[in-house]
Amino acid sequence: MSRQLTLRFAVLTAVATGALLVPVGAAVADDPTPTPTAATGEDKTAAEKKAEDAKKAKELEARKAAAAKDLPKGGVAAGEAPAGNSGTTALVGSATGALLLAGAGTVVLRRRAAGRHNG
């Protein structure tokens, strides 16, 4: 295998690997809420925490039920907000796909041109 083919193979492998890893990295790094690491200083027993969480969950469910009664049904046309996706992952994926397609087209055109020269 010549140096040029080895280099071309390495570059294509790196591009393909990057095309697979970029969307995965964006999906993993898409958590905007930081996780608390320091203790709050309040010592509560597990039972107290469970009771407090259950109370909050009941209150939240009651609010959701009350809000659901007032809202019309029907999705975005009825006033619901669409999913909050910034679209950067889709944009990067589309750009990567276009680059891969352009690279494949270049390889095909070069092989055809080389075939014509060889006879």
PDB file of N, CA and C in Angstrom:
ATOM      1  N   MET A   1       0.855  -1.166   0.000  1.00  0.00           N
ATOM      2  CA  MET A   1       0.000   0.000   0.000  1.00  0.00           C
ATOM      3  C   MET A   1       0.907   1.237   0.000  1.00  0.00           C
ATOM      4  N   SER A   2       0.628   2.161  -0.874  1.00  0.00           N
ATOM      5  CA  SER A   2       1.474   3.346  -0.978  1.00  0.00           C
ATOM      6  C   SER A   2       1.182   4.323   0.169  1.00  0.00           C
ATOM      7  N   ARG A   3       2.071   5.265   0.346  1.00  0.00           N
ATOM      8  CA  ARG A   3       1.892   6.258   1.404  1.00  0.00           C
ATOM      9  C   ARG A   3       0.639   7.084   1.195  1.00  0.00           C
ATOM     10  N   GLN A   4       0.385   7.425  -0.051  1.00  0.00           N
ATOM     11  CA  GLN A   4      -0.766   8.268  -0.350  1.00  0.00           C
ATOM     12  C   GLN A   4      -2.068   7.541  -0.008  1.00  0.00           C
ATOM     13  N   LEU A   5      -2.163   6.254  -0.333  1.00  0.00           N
ATOM     14  CA  LEU A   5      -3.371   5.506  -0.007  1.00  0.00           C
ATOM     15  C   LEU A   5      -3.510   5.319   1.500  1.00  0.00           C
ATOM     16  N   THR A   6      -2.407   5.101   2.185  1.00  0.00           N
ATOM     17  CA  THR A   6      -2.449   4.951   3.641  1.00  0.00           C
ATOM     18  C   THR A   6      -2.914   6.244   4.293  1.00  0.00           C
ATOM     19  N   LEU A   7      -2.392   7.368   3.833  1.00  0.00           N
ATOM     20  CA  LEU A   7      -2.792   8.659   4.377  1.00  0.00           C
ATOM     21  C   LEU A   7      -4.271   8.928   4.081  1.00  0.00           C
ATOM     22  N   ARG A   8      -4.703   8.621   2.875  1.00  0.00           N
ATOM     23  CA  ARG A   8      -6.103   8.828   2.499  1.00  0.00           C
ATOM     24  C   ARG A   8      -7.021   7.967   3.365  1.00  0.00           C
ATOM     25  N   PHE A   9      -6.618   6.718   3.597  1.00  0.00           N
ATOM     26  CA  PHE A   9      -7.408   5.816   4.428  1.00  0.00           C
ATOM     27  C   PHE A   9      -7.490   6.340   5.866  1.00  0.00           C
ATOM     28  N   ALA A  10      -6.387   6.850   6.390  1.00  0.00           N
ATOM     29  CA  ALA A  10      -6.369   7.382   7.754  1.00  0.00           C
ATOM     30  C   ALA A  10      -7.272   8.611   7.876  1.00  0.00           C
ATOM     31  N   VAL A  11      -7.228   9.473   6.886  1.00  0.00           N
ATOM     32  CA  VAL A  11      -8.066  10.679   6.922  1.00  0.00           C
ATOM     33  C   VAL A  11      -9.543  10.309   6.829  1.00  0.00           C
ATOM     34  N   LEU A  12      -9.895   9.406   5.935  1.00  0.00           N
ATOM     35  CA  LEU A  12     -11.295   8.998   5.805  1.00  0.00           C
ATOM     36  C   LEU A  12     -11.790   8.303   7.067  1.00  0.00           C
ATOM     37  N   THR A  13     -10.932   7.502   7.692  1.00  0.00           N
ATOM     38  CA  THR A  13     -11.322   6.844   8.936  1.00  0.00           C
ATOM     39  C   THR A  13     -11.541   7.873  10.040  1.00  0.00           C
ATOM     40  N   ALA A  14     -10.678   8.870  10.125  1.00  0.00           N
ATOM     41  CA  ALA A  14     -10.828   9.914  11.137  1.00  0.00           C
ATOM     42  C   ALA A  14     -12.103  10.724  10.911  1.00  0.00           C
ATOM     43  N   VAL A  15     -12.408  11.028   9.672  1.00  0.00           N
ATOM     44  CA  VAL A  15     -13.630  11.799   9.371  1.00  0.00           C
ATOM     45  C   VAL A  15     -14.870  10.991   9.717  1.00  0.00           C
ATOM     46  N   ALA A  16     -14.864   9.717   9.357  1.00  0.00           N
ATOM     47  CA  ALA A  16     -16.025   8.875   9.668  1.00  0.00           C
ATOM     48  C   ALA A  16     -16.204   8.726  11.179  1.00  0.00           C
ATOM     49  N   THR A  17     -15.117   8.554  11.902  1.00  0.00           N
ATOM     50  CA  THR A  17     -15.196   8.443  13.355  1.00  0.00           C
ATOM     51  C   THR A  17     -15.707   9.747  13.962  1.00  0.00           C
ATOM     52  N   GLY A  18     -15.223  10.863  13.466  1.00  0.00           N
ATOM     53  CA  GLY A  18     -15.709  12.153  13.949  1.00  0.00           C
ATOM     54  C   GLY A  18     -17.180  12.363  13.654  1.00  0.00           C
ATOM     55  N   ALA A  19     -17.620  11.895  12.490  1.00  0.00           N
ATOM     56  CA  ALA A  19     -19.029  12.034  12.124  1.00  0.00           C
ATOM     57  C   ALA A  19     -19.918  11.247  13.075  1.00  0.00           C
ATOM     58  N   LEU A  20     -19.406  10.163  13.607  1.00  0.00           N
ATOM     59  CA  LEU A  20     -20.192   9.381  14.550  1.00  0.00           C
ATOM     60  C   LEU A  20     -20.112   9.936  15.968  1.00  0.00           C
ATOM     61  N   LEU A  21     -18.985  10.498  16.346  1.00  0.00           N
ATOM     62  CA  LEU A  21     -18.794  10.937  17.723  1.00  0.00           C
ATOM     63  C   LEU A  21     -19.317  12.340  18.008  1.00  0.00           C
ATOM     64  N   VAL A  22     -19.392  13.210  17.023  1.00  0.00           N
ATOM     65  CA  VAL A  22     -19.835  14.592  17.268  1.00  0.00           C
ATOM     66  C   VAL A  22     -21.277  14.642  17.771  1.00  0.00           C
ATOM     67  N   PRO A  23     -22.241  13.969  17.142  1.00  0.00           N
ATOM     68  CA  PRO A  23     -23.609  14.018  17.678  1.00  0.00           C
ATOM     69  C   PRO A  23     -23.716  13.372  19.060  1.00  0.00           C
ATOM     70  N   VAL A  24     -22.947  12.330  19.301  1.00  0.00           N
ATOM     71  CA  VAL A  24     -22.980  11.680  20.605  1.00  0.00           C
ATOM     72  C   VAL A  24     -22.448  12.626  21.672  1.00  0.00           C
ATOM     73  N   GLY A  25     -21.371  13.312  21.368  1.00  0.00           N
ATOM     74  CA  GLY A  25     -20.813  14.267  22.321  1.00  0.00           C
ATOM     75  C   GLY A  25     -21.763  15.406  22.616  1.00  0.00           C
ATOM     76  N   ALA A  26     -22.462  15.869  21.605  1.00  0.00           N
ATOM     77  CA  ALA A  26     -23.425  16.952  21.811  1.00  0.00           C
ATOM     78  C   ALA A  26     -24.602  16.471  22.653  1.00  0.00           C
ATOM     79  N   ALA A  27     -25.014  15.247  22.452  1.00  0.00           N
ATOM     80  CA  ALA A  27     -26.134  14.722  23.229  1.00  0.00           C
ATOM     81  C   ALA A  27     -25.754  14.534  24.688  1.00  0.00           C
ATOM     82  N   VAL A  28     -24.536  14.105  24.935  1.00  0.00           N
ATOM     83  CA  VAL A  28     -24.091  13.892  26.307  1.00  0.00           C
ATOM     84  C   VAL A  28     -23.866  15.222  27.013  1.00  0.00           C
ATOM     85  N   ALA A  29     -23.365  16.216  26.311  1.00  0.00           N
ATOM     86  CA  ALA A  29     -23.054  17.499  26.921  1.00  0.00           C
ATOM     87  C   ALA A  29     -24.236  18.458  26.912  1.00  0.00           C
ATOM     88  N   ASP A  30     -25.431  17.973  26.649  1.00  0.00           N
ATOM     89  CA  ASP A  30     -26.588  18.833  26.507  1.00  0.00           C
ATOM     90  C   ASP A  30     -27.357  19.017  27.819  1.00  0.00           C
ATOM     91  N   ASP A  31     -26.762  18.696  28.956  1.00  0.00           N
ATOM     92  CA  ASP A  31     -27.437  18.833  30.244  1.00  0.00           C
ATOM     93  C   ASP A  31     -27.135  20.211  30.825  1.00  0.00           C
ATOM     94  N   PRO A  32     -28.084  21.169  30.777  1.00  0.00           N
ATOM     95  CA  PRO A  32     -27.799  22.523  31.220  1.00  0.00           C
ATOM     96  C   PRO A  32     -27.816  22.695  32.738  1.00  0.00           C
ATOM     97  N   THR A  33     -28.373  21.753  33.500  1.00  0.00           N
ATOM     98  CA  THR A  33     -28.463  21.919  34.936  1.00  0.00           C
ATOM     99  C   THR A  33     -27.272  21.256  35.613  1.00  0.00           C
ATOM    100  N   PRO A  34     -26.515  22.009  36.391  1.00  0.00           N
ATOM    101  CA  PRO A  34     -25.387  21.399  37.089  1.00  0.00           C
ATOM    102  C   PRO A  34     -25.876  20.558  38.269  1.00  0.00           C
ATOM    103  N   THR A  35     -25.132  19.545  38.597  1.00  0.00           N
ATOM    104  CA  THR A  35     -25.488  18.710  39.731  1.00  0.00           C
ATOM    105  C   THR A  35     -24.813  19.257  40.985  1.00  0.00           C
ATOM    106  N   PRO A  36     -25.542  19.384  42.070  1.00  0.00           N
ATOM    107  CA  PRO A  36     -24.927  19.919  43.293  1.00  0.00           C
ATOM    108  C   PRO A  36     -23.965  18.895  43.887  1.00  0.00           C
ATOM    109  N   THR A  37     -22.797  19.377  44.297  1.00  0.00           N
ATOM    110  CA  THR A  37     -21.805  18.477  44.866  1.00  0.00           C
ATOM    111  C   THR A  37     -21.579  18.746  46.344  1.00  0.00           C
ATOM    112  N   ALA A  38     -21.822  19.944  46.798  1.00  0.00           N
ATOM    113  CA  ALA A  38     -21.602  20.281  48.198  1.00  0.00           C
ATOM    114  C   ALA A  38     -22.877  20.016  48.995  1.00  0.00           C
ATOM    115  N   ALA A  39     -22.703  19.629  50.251  1.00  0.00           N
ATOM    116  CA  ALA A  39     -23.851  19.390  51.131  1.00  0.00           C
ATOM    117  C   ALA A  39     -24.491  20.729  51.501  1.00  0.00           C
ATOM    118  N   THR A  40     -25.801  20.711  51.706  1.00  0.00           N
ATOM    119  CA  THR A  40     -26.510  21.953  52.042  1.00  0.00           C
ATOM    120  C   THR A  40     -26.400  22.292  53.513  1.00  0.00           C
ATOM    121  N   GLY A  41     -25.937  21.381  54.320  1.00  0.00           N
ATOM    122  CA  GLY A  41     -25.781  21.666  55.734  1.00  0.00           C
ATOM    123  C   GLY A  41     -26.962  21.213  56.564  1.00  0.00           C
ATOM    124  N   GLU A  42     -28.059  20.854  55.934  1.00  0.00           N
ATOM    125  CA  GLU A  42     -29.238  20.389  56.662  1.00  0.00           C
ATOM    126  C   GLU A  42     -29.175  18.879  56.763  1.00  0.00           C
ATOM    127  N   ASP A  43     -29.310  18.366  57.961  1.00  0.00           N
ATOM    128  CA  ASP A  43     -29.314  16.926  58.162  1.00  0.00           C
ATOM    129  C   ASP A  43     -30.761  16.480  58.352  1.00  0.00           C
ATOM    130  N   LYS A  44     -31.265  15.738  57.372  1.00  0.00           N
ATOM    131  CA  LYS A  44     -32.609  15.210  57.457  1.00  0.00           C
ATOM    132  C   LYS A  44     -32.528  13.694  57.336  1.00  0.00           C
ATOM    133  N   THR A  45     -33.427  13.067  57.977  1.00  0.00           N
ATOM    134  CA  THR A  45     -33.455  11.616  57.857  1.00  0.00           C
ATOM    135  C   THR A  45     -34.068  11.246  56.521  1.00  0.00           C
ATOM    136  N   ALA A  46     -33.877  10.014  56.139  1.00  0.00           N
ATOM    137  CA  ALA A  46     -34.401   9.542  54.861  1.00  0.00           C
ATOM    138  C   ALA A  46     -35.923   9.589  54.842  1.00  0.00           C
ATOM    139  N   ALA A  47     -36.546   9.292  55.963  1.00  0.00           N
ATOM    140  CA  ALA A  47     -38.010   9.313  56.023  1.00  0.00           C
ATOM    141  C   ALA A  47     -38.549  10.728  55.829  1.00  0.00           C
ATOM    142  N   GLU A  48     -37.881  11.707  56.444  1.00  0.00           N
ATOM    143  CA  GLU A  48     -38.321  13.093  56.279  1.00  0.00           C
ATOM    144  C   GLU A  48     -38.175  13.541  54.831  1.00  0.00           C
ATOM    145  N   LYS A  49     -37.069  13.150  54.207  1.00  0.00           N
ATOM    146  CA  LYS A  49     -36.852  13.519  52.804  1.00  0.00           C
ATOM    147  C   LYS A  49     -37.891  12.882  51.902  1.00  0.00           C
ATOM    148  N   LYS A  50     -38.217  11.613  52.140  1.00  0.00           N
ATOM    149  CA  LYS A  50     -39.220  10.930  51.321  1.00  0.00           C
ATOM    150  C   LYS A  50     -40.585  11.574  51.486  1.00  0.00           C
ATOM    151  N   ALA A  51     -40.935  11.934  52.714  1.00  0.00           N
ATOM    152  CA  ALA A  51     -42.228  12.570  52.963  1.00  0.00           C
ATOM    153  C   ALA A  51     -42.300  13.934  52.279  1.00  0.00           C
ATOM    154  N   GLU A  52     -41.201  14.661  52.343  1.00  0.00           N
ATOM    155  CA  GLU A  52     -41.162  15.977  51.709  1.00  0.00           C
ATOM    156  C   GLU A  52     -41.249  15.855  50.181  1.00  0.00           C
ATOM    157  N   ASP A  53     -40.540  14.884  49.622  1.00  0.00           N
ATOM    158  CA  ASP A  53     -40.592  14.664  48.173  1.00  0.00           C
ATOM    159  C   ASP A  53     -41.982  14.232  47.728  1.00  0.00           C
ATOM    160  N   ALA A  54     -42.624  13.377  48.516  1.00  0.00           N
ATOM    161  CA  ALA A  54     -43.977  12.931  48.177  1.00  0.00           C
ATOM    162  C   ALA A  54     -44.955  14.096  48.211  1.00  0.00           C
ATOM    163  N   LYS A  55     -44.784  14.981  49.189  1.00  0.00           N
ATOM    164  CA  LYS A  55     -45.666  16.145  49.301  1.00  0.00           C
ATOM    165  C   LYS A  55     -45.483  17.074  48.103  1.00  0.00           C
ATOM    166  N   LYS A  56     -44.224  17.289  47.710  1.00  0.00           N
ATOM    167  CA  LYS A  56     -43.951  18.135  46.545  1.00  0.00           C
ATOM    168  C   LYS A  56     -44.510  17.516  45.275  1.00  0.00           C
ATOM    169  N   ALA A  57     -44.389  16.197  45.141  1.00  0.00           N
ATOM    170  CA  ALA A  57     -44.907  15.510  43.954  1.00  0.00           C
ATOM    171  C   ALA A  57     -46.420  15.637  43.871  1.00  0.00           C
ATOM    172  N   LYS A  58     -47.105  15.510  45.018  1.00  0.00           N
ATOM    173  CA  LYS A  58     -48.567  15.654  45.022  1.00  0.00           C
ATOM    174  C   LYS A  58     -48.979  17.068  44.638  1.00  0.00           C
ATOM    175  N   GLU A  59     -48.263  18.057  45.155  1.00  0.00           N
ATOM    176  CA  GLU A  59     -48.566  19.442  44.812  1.00  0.00           C
ATOM    177  C   GLU A  59     -48.354  19.705  43.323  1.00  0.00           C
ATOM    178  N   LEU A  60     -47.277  19.142  42.784  1.00  0.00           N
ATOM    179  CA  LEU A  60     -46.979  19.311  41.362  1.00  0.00           C
ATOM    180  C   LEU A  60     -48.043  18.655  40.490  1.00  0.00           C
ATOM    181  N   GLU A  61     -48.477  17.454  40.888  1.00  0.00           N
ATOM    182  CA  GLU A  61     -49.529  16.770  40.134  1.00  0.00           C
ATOM    183  C   GLU A  61     -50.834  17.548  40.191  1.00  0.00           C
ATOM    184  N   ALA A  62     -51.141  18.134  41.341  1.00  0.00           N
ATOM    185  CA  ALA A  62     -52.371  18.924  41.468  1.00  0.00           C
ATOM    186  C   ALA A  62     -52.308  20.159  40.571  1.00  0.00           C
ATOM    187  N   ARG A  63     -51.134  20.806  40.510  1.00  0.00           N
ATOM    188  CA  ARG A  63     -50.981  21.970  39.621  1.00  0.00           C
ATOM    189  C   ARG A  63     -51.124  21.577  38.161  1.00  0.00           C
ATOM    190  N   LYS A  64     -50.521  20.450  37.802  1.00  0.00           N
ATOM    191  CA  LYS A  64     -50.614  19.992  36.413  1.00  0.00           C
ATOM    192  C   LYS A  64     -52.057  19.663  36.040  1.00  0.00           C
ATOM    193  N   ALA A  65     -52.771  19.025  36.954  1.00  0.00           N
ATOM    194  CA  ALA A  65     -54.164  18.676  36.683  1.00  0.00           C
ATOM    195  C   ALA A  65     -55.009  19.935  36.519  1.00  0.00           C
ATOM    196  N   ALA A  66     -54.779  20.935  37.367  1.00  0.00           N
ATOM    197  CA  ALA A  66     -55.533  22.185  37.267  1.00  0.00           C
ATOM    198  C   ALA A  66     -55.189  22.918  35.974  1.00  0.00           C
ATOM    199  N   ALA A  67     -53.927  22.905  35.601  1.00  0.00           N
ATOM    200  CA  ALA A  67     -53.528  23.583  34.373  1.00  0.00           C
ATOM    201  C   ALA A  67     -54.033  22.842  33.144  1.00  0.00           C
ATOM    202  N   ALA A  68     -54.106  21.523  33.210  1.00  0.00           N
ATOM    203  CA  ALA A  68     -54.566  20.739  32.063  1.00  0.00           C
ATOM    204  C   ALA A  68     -56.043  20.975  31.783  1.00  0.00           C
ATOM    205  N   LYS A  69     -56.812  21.276  32.815  1.00  0.00           N
ATOM    206  CA  LYS A  69     -58.240  21.529  32.616  1.00  0.00           C
ATOM    207  C   LYS A  69     -58.467  22.823  31.838  1.00  0.00           C
ATOM    208  N   ASP A  70     -57.592  23.795  32.029  1.00  0.00           N
ATOM    209  CA  ASP A  70     -57.765  25.095  31.401  1.00  0.00           C
ATOM    210  C   ASP A  70     -57.229  25.164  29.980  1.00  0.00           C
ATOM    211  N   LEU A  71     -56.271  24.306  29.636  1.00  0.00           N
ATOM    212  CA  LEU A  71     -55.643  24.372  28.320  1.00  0.00           C
ATOM    213  C   LEU A  71     -56.446  23.620  27.268  1.00  0.00           C
ATOM    214  N   PRO A  72     -56.517  24.165  26.062  1.00  0.00           N
ATOM    215  CA  PRO A  72     -57.161  23.428  24.978  1.00  0.00           C
ATOM    216  C   PRO A  72     -56.245  22.296  24.495  1.00  0.00           C
ATOM    217  N   LYS A  73     -56.815  21.283  23.912  1.00  0.00           N
ATOM    218  CA  LYS A  73     -56.048  20.165  23.381  1.00  0.00           C
ATOM    219  C   LYS A  73     -55.695  20.453  21.930  1.00  0.00           C
ATOM    220  N   GLY A  74     -54.541  19.962  21.482  1.00  0.00           N
ATOM    221  CA  GLY A  74     -54.241  20.117  20.077  1.00  0.00           C
ATOM    222  C   GLY A  74     -52.808  20.436  19.730  1.00  0.00           C
ATOM    223  N   GLY A  75     -51.889  20.374  20.639  1.00  0.00           N
ATOM    224  CA  GLY A  75     -50.481  20.520  20.299  1.00  0.00           C
ATOM    225  C   GLY A  75     -50.046  21.958  20.128  1.00  0.00           C
ATOM    226  N   VAL A  76     -49.109  22.183  19.209  1.00  0.00           N
ATOM    227  CA  VAL A  76     -48.503  23.492  19.023  1.00  0.00           C
ATOM    228  C   VAL A  76     -49.538  24.525  18.584  1.00  0.00           C
ATOM    229  N   ALA A  77     -50.494  24.129  17.770  1.00  0.00           N
ATOM    230  CA  ALA A  77     -51.515  25.066  17.310  1.00  0.00           C
ATOM    231  C   ALA A  77     -52.372  25.561  18.462  1.00  0.00           C
ATOM    232  N   ALA A  78     -52.446  24.797  19.543  1.00  0.00           N
ATOM    233  CA  ALA A  78     -53.262  25.192  20.686  1.00  0.00           C
ATOM    234  C   ALA A  78     -52.469  25.978  21.710  1.00  0.00           C
ATOM    235  N   GLY A  79     -51.205  26.234  21.441  1.00  0.00           N
ATOM    236  CA  GLY A  79     -50.433  27.067  22.333  1.00  0.00           C
ATOM    237  C   GLY A  79     -49.285  26.380  23.044  1.00  0.00           C
ATOM    238  N   GLU A  80     -49.098  25.091  22.827  1.00  0.00           N
ATOM    239  CA  GLU A  80     -47.964  24.426  23.453  1.00  0.00           C
ATOM    240  C   GLU A  80     -46.683  24.856  22.767  1.00  0.00           C
ATOM    241  N   ALA A  81     -45.654  24.965  23.541  1.00  0.00           N
ATOM    242  CA  ALA A  81     -44.355  25.340  22.982  1.00  0.00           C
ATOM    243  C   ALA A  81     -43.690  24.108  22.366  1.00  0.00           C
ATOM    244  N   PRO A  82     -43.074  24.260  21.210  1.00  0.00           N
ATOM    245  CA  PRO A  82     -42.349  23.123  20.638  1.00  0.00           C
ATOM    246  C   PRO A  82     -41.125  22.787  21.495  1.00  0.00           C
ATOM    247  N   ALA A  83     -40.571  21.628  21.246  1.00  0.00           N
ATOM    248  CA  ALA A  83     -39.407  21.184  22.021  1.00  0.00           C
ATOM    249  C   ALA A  83     -38.296  22.210  21.923  1.00  0.00           C
ATOM    250  N   GLY A  84     -37.613  22.454  23.016  1.00  0.00           N
ATOM    251  CA  GLY A  84     -36.568  23.471  23.075  1.00  0.00           C
ATOM    252  C   GLY A  84     -35.229  22.950  22.580  1.00  0.00           C
ATOM    253  N   ASN A  85     -35.123  22.648  21.316  1.00  0.00           N
ATOM    254  CA  ASN A  85     -33.866  22.168  20.752  1.00  0.00           C
ATOM    255  C   ASN A  85     -33.262  23.294  19.927  1.00  0.00           C
ATOM    256  N   SER A  86     -32.003  23.588  20.179  1.00  0.00           N
ATOM    257  CA  SER A  86     -31.369  24.699  19.482  1.00  0.00           C
ATOM    258  C   SER A  86     -31.019  24.345  18.039  1.00  0.00           C
ATOM    259  N   GLY A  87     -30.956  23.072  17.702  1.00  0.00           N
ATOM    260  CA  GLY A  87     -30.696  22.659  16.334  1.00  0.00           C
ATOM    261  C   GLY A  87     -29.227  22.562  15.988  1.00  0.00           C
ATOM    262  N   THR A  88     -28.342  22.758  16.941  1.00  0.00           N
ATOM    263  CA  THR A  88     -26.922  22.693  16.620  1.00  0.00           C
ATOM    264  C   THR A  88     -26.496  21.282  16.265  1.00  0.00           C
ATOM    265  N   THR A  89     -27.076  20.298  16.926  1.00  0.00           N
ATOM    266  CA  THR A  89     -26.729  18.911  16.622  1.00  0.00           C
ATOM    267  C   THR A  89     -27.162  18.563  15.201  1.00  0.00           C
ATOM    268  N   ALA A  90     -28.356  18.984  14.817  1.00  0.00           N
ATOM    269  CA  ALA A  90     -28.829  18.711  13.465  1.00  0.00           C
ATOM    270  C   ALA A  90     -27.974  19.434  12.436  1.00  0.00           C
ATOM    271  N   LEU A  91     -27.562  20.646  12.751  1.00  0.00           N
ATOM    272  CA  LEU A  91     -26.730  21.415  11.833  1.00  0.00           C
ATOM    273  C   LEU A  91     -25.364  20.767  11.660  1.00  0.00           C
ATOM    274  N   VAL A  92     -24.756  20.340  12.754  1.00  0.00           N
ATOM    275  CA  VAL A  92     -23.446  19.686  12.680  1.00  0.00           C
ATOM    276  C   VAL A  92     -23.558  18.360  11.948  1.00  0.00           C
ATOM    277  N   GLY A  93     -24.611  17.610  12.220  1.00  0.00           N
ATOM    278  CA  GLY A  93     -24.813  16.342  11.526  1.00  0.00           C
ATOM    279  C   GLY A  93     -25.012  16.533  10.032  1.00  0.00           C
ATOM    280  N   SER A  94     -25.768  17.543   9.650  1.00  0.00           N
ATOM    281  CA  SER A  94     -25.986  17.814   8.233  1.00  0.00           C
ATOM    282  C   SER A  94     -24.692  18.238   7.542  1.00  0.00           C
ATOM    283  N   ALA A  95     -23.922  19.088   8.212  1.00  0.00           N
ATOM    284  CA  ALA A  95     -22.649  19.528   7.629  1.00  0.00           C
ATOM    285  C   ALA A  95     -21.685  18.355   7.481  1.00  0.00           C
ATOM    286  N   THR A  96     -21.638  17.490   8.474  1.00  0.00           N
ATOM    287  CA  THR A  96     -20.763  16.315   8.403  1.00  0.00           C
ATOM    288  C   THR A  96     -21.193  15.389   7.287  1.00  0.00           C
ATOM    289  N   GLY A  97     -22.491  15.179   7.152  1.00  0.00           N
ATOM    290  CA  GLY A  97     -22.996  14.346   6.071  1.00  0.00           C
ATOM    291  C   GLY A  97     -22.663  14.924   4.706  1.00  0.00           C
ATOM    292  N   ALA A  98     -22.780  16.245   4.566  1.00  0.00           N
ATOM    293  CA  ALA A  98     -22.439  16.884   3.290  1.00  0.00           C
ATOM    294  C   ALA A  98     -20.955  16.722   2.977  1.00  0.00           C
ATOM    295  N   LEU A  99     -20.111  16.850   3.999  1.00  0.00           N
ATOM    296  CA  LEU A  99     -18.676  16.665   3.783  1.00  0.00           C
ATOM    297  C   LEU A  99     -18.344  15.227   3.395  1.00  0.00           C
ATOM    298  N   LEU A 100     -18.983  14.271   4.045  1.00  0.00           N
ATOM    299  CA  LEU A 100     -18.753  12.871   3.686  1.00  0.00           C
ATOM    300  C   LEU A 100     -19.219  12.581   2.262  1.00  0.00           C
ATOM    301  N   LEU A 101     -20.355  13.134   1.884  1.00  0.00           N
ATOM    302  CA  LEU A 101     -20.862  12.935   0.528  1.00  0.00           C
ATOM    303  C   LEU A 101     -19.935  13.582  -0.497  1.00  0.00           C
ATOM    304  N   ALA A 102     -19.429  14.775  -0.186  1.00  0.00           N
ATOM    305  CA  ALA A 102     -18.499  15.435  -1.094  1.00  0.00           C
ATOM    306  C   ALA A 102     -17.198  14.652  -1.215  1.00  0.00           C
ATOM    307  N   GLY A 103     -16.731  14.105  -0.097  1.00  0.00           N
ATOM    308  CA  GLY A 103     -15.518  13.297  -0.137  1.00  0.00           C
ATOM    309  C   GLY A 103     -15.702  12.030  -0.958  1.00  0.00           C
ATOM    310  N   ALA A 104     -16.859  11.385  -0.809  1.00  0.00           N
ATOM    311  CA  ALA A 104     -17.131  10.174  -1.594  1.00  0.00           C
ATOM    312  C   ALA A 104     -17.227  10.515  -3.080  1.00  0.00           C
ATOM    313  N   GLY A 105     -17.854  11.635  -3.394  1.00  0.00           N
ATOM    314  CA  GLY A 105     -17.947  12.058  -4.790  1.00  0.00           C
ATOM    315  C   GLY A 105     -16.585  12.351  -5.388  1.00  0.00           C
ATOM    316  N   THR A 106     -15.718  12.948  -4.592  1.00  0.00           N
ATOM    317  CA  THR A 106     -14.361  13.231  -5.058  1.00  0.00           C
ATOM    318  C   THR A 106     -13.608  11.948  -5.351  1.00  0.00           C
ATOM    319  N   VAL A 107     -13.738  10.961  -4.493  1.00  0.00           N
ATOM    320  CA  VAL A 107     -13.066   9.675  -4.702  1.00  0.00           C
ATOM    321  C   VAL A 107     -13.576   9.018  -5.979  1.00  0.00           C
ATOM    322  N   VAL A 108     -14.876   9.034  -6.204  1.00  0.00           N
ATOM    323  CA  VAL A 108     -15.454   8.419  -7.401  1.00  0.00           C
ATOM    324  C   VAL A 108     -14.963   9.133  -8.653  1.00  0.00           C
ATOM    325  N   LEU A 109     -14.960  10.462  -8.636  1.00  0.00           N
ATOM    326  CA  LEU A 109     -14.513  11.215  -9.813  1.00  0.00           C
ATOM    327  C   LEU A 109     -13.037  10.975 -10.099  1.00  0.00           C
ATOM    328  N   ARG A 110     -12.224  10.895  -9.064  1.00  0.00           N
ATOM    329  CA  ARG A 110     -10.783  10.657  -9.272  1.00  0.00           C
ATOM    330  C   ARG A 110     -10.549   9.261  -9.828  1.00  0.00           C
ATOM    331  N   ARG A 111     -11.319   8.284  -9.375  1.00  0.00           N
ATOM    332  CA  ARG A 111     -11.147   6.924  -9.882  1.00  0.00           C
ATOM    333  C   ARG A 111     -11.589   6.838 -11.352  1.00  0.00           C
ATOM    334  N   ARG A 112     -12.651   7.543 -11.690  1.00  0.00           N
ATOM    335  CA  ARG A 112     -13.091   7.529 -13.087  1.00  0.00           C
ATOM    336  C   ARG A 112     -12.045   8.190 -13.975  1.00  0.00           C
ATOM    337  N   ALA A 113     -11.504   9.309 -13.499  1.00  0.00           N
ATOM    338  CA  ALA A 113     -10.499  10.007 -14.286  1.00  0.00           C
ATOM    339  C   ALA A 113      -9.241   9.131 -14.436  1.00  0.00           C
ATOM    340  N   ALA A 114      -8.860   8.440 -13.381  1.00  0.00           N
ATOM    341  CA  ALA A 114      -7.693   7.560 -13.439  1.00  0.00           C
ATOM    342  C   ALA A 114      -7.965   6.389 -14.378  1.00  0.00           C
ATOM    343  N   GLY A 115      -9.193   5.898 -14.405  1.00  0.00           N
ATOM    344  CA  GLY A 115      -9.555   4.799 -15.304  1.00  0.00           C
ATOM    345  C   GLY A 115      -9.470   5.215 -16.764  1.00  0.00           C
ATOM    346  N   ARG A 116      -9.800   6.427 -17.062  1.00  0.00           N
ATOM    347  CA  ARG A 116      -9.736   6.916 -18.433  1.00  0.00           C
ATOM    348  C   ARG A 116      -8.293   7.057 -18.899  1.00  0.00           C
ATOM    349  N   HIS A 117      -7.420   7.474 -17.969  1.00  0.00           N
ATOM    350  CA  HIS A 117      -6.005   7.638 -18.324  1.00  0.00           C
ATOM    351  C   HIS A 117      -5.314   6.301 -18.542  1.00  0.00           C
ATOM    352  N   ASN A 118      -5.737   5.282 -17.828  1.00  0.00           N
ATOM    353  CA  ASN A 118      -5.103   3.982 -17.934  1.00  0.00           C
ATOM    354  C   ASN A 118      -5.563   3.206 -19.158  1.00  0.00           C
ATOM    355  N   GLY A 119      -6.629   3.613 -19.743  1.00  0.00           N
ATOM    356  CA  GLY A 119      -7.022   2.954 -20.973  1.00  0.00           C
ATOM    357  C   GLY A 119      -8.324   2.365 -20.869  1.00  0.00           C
TER     358      GLY A 119
END
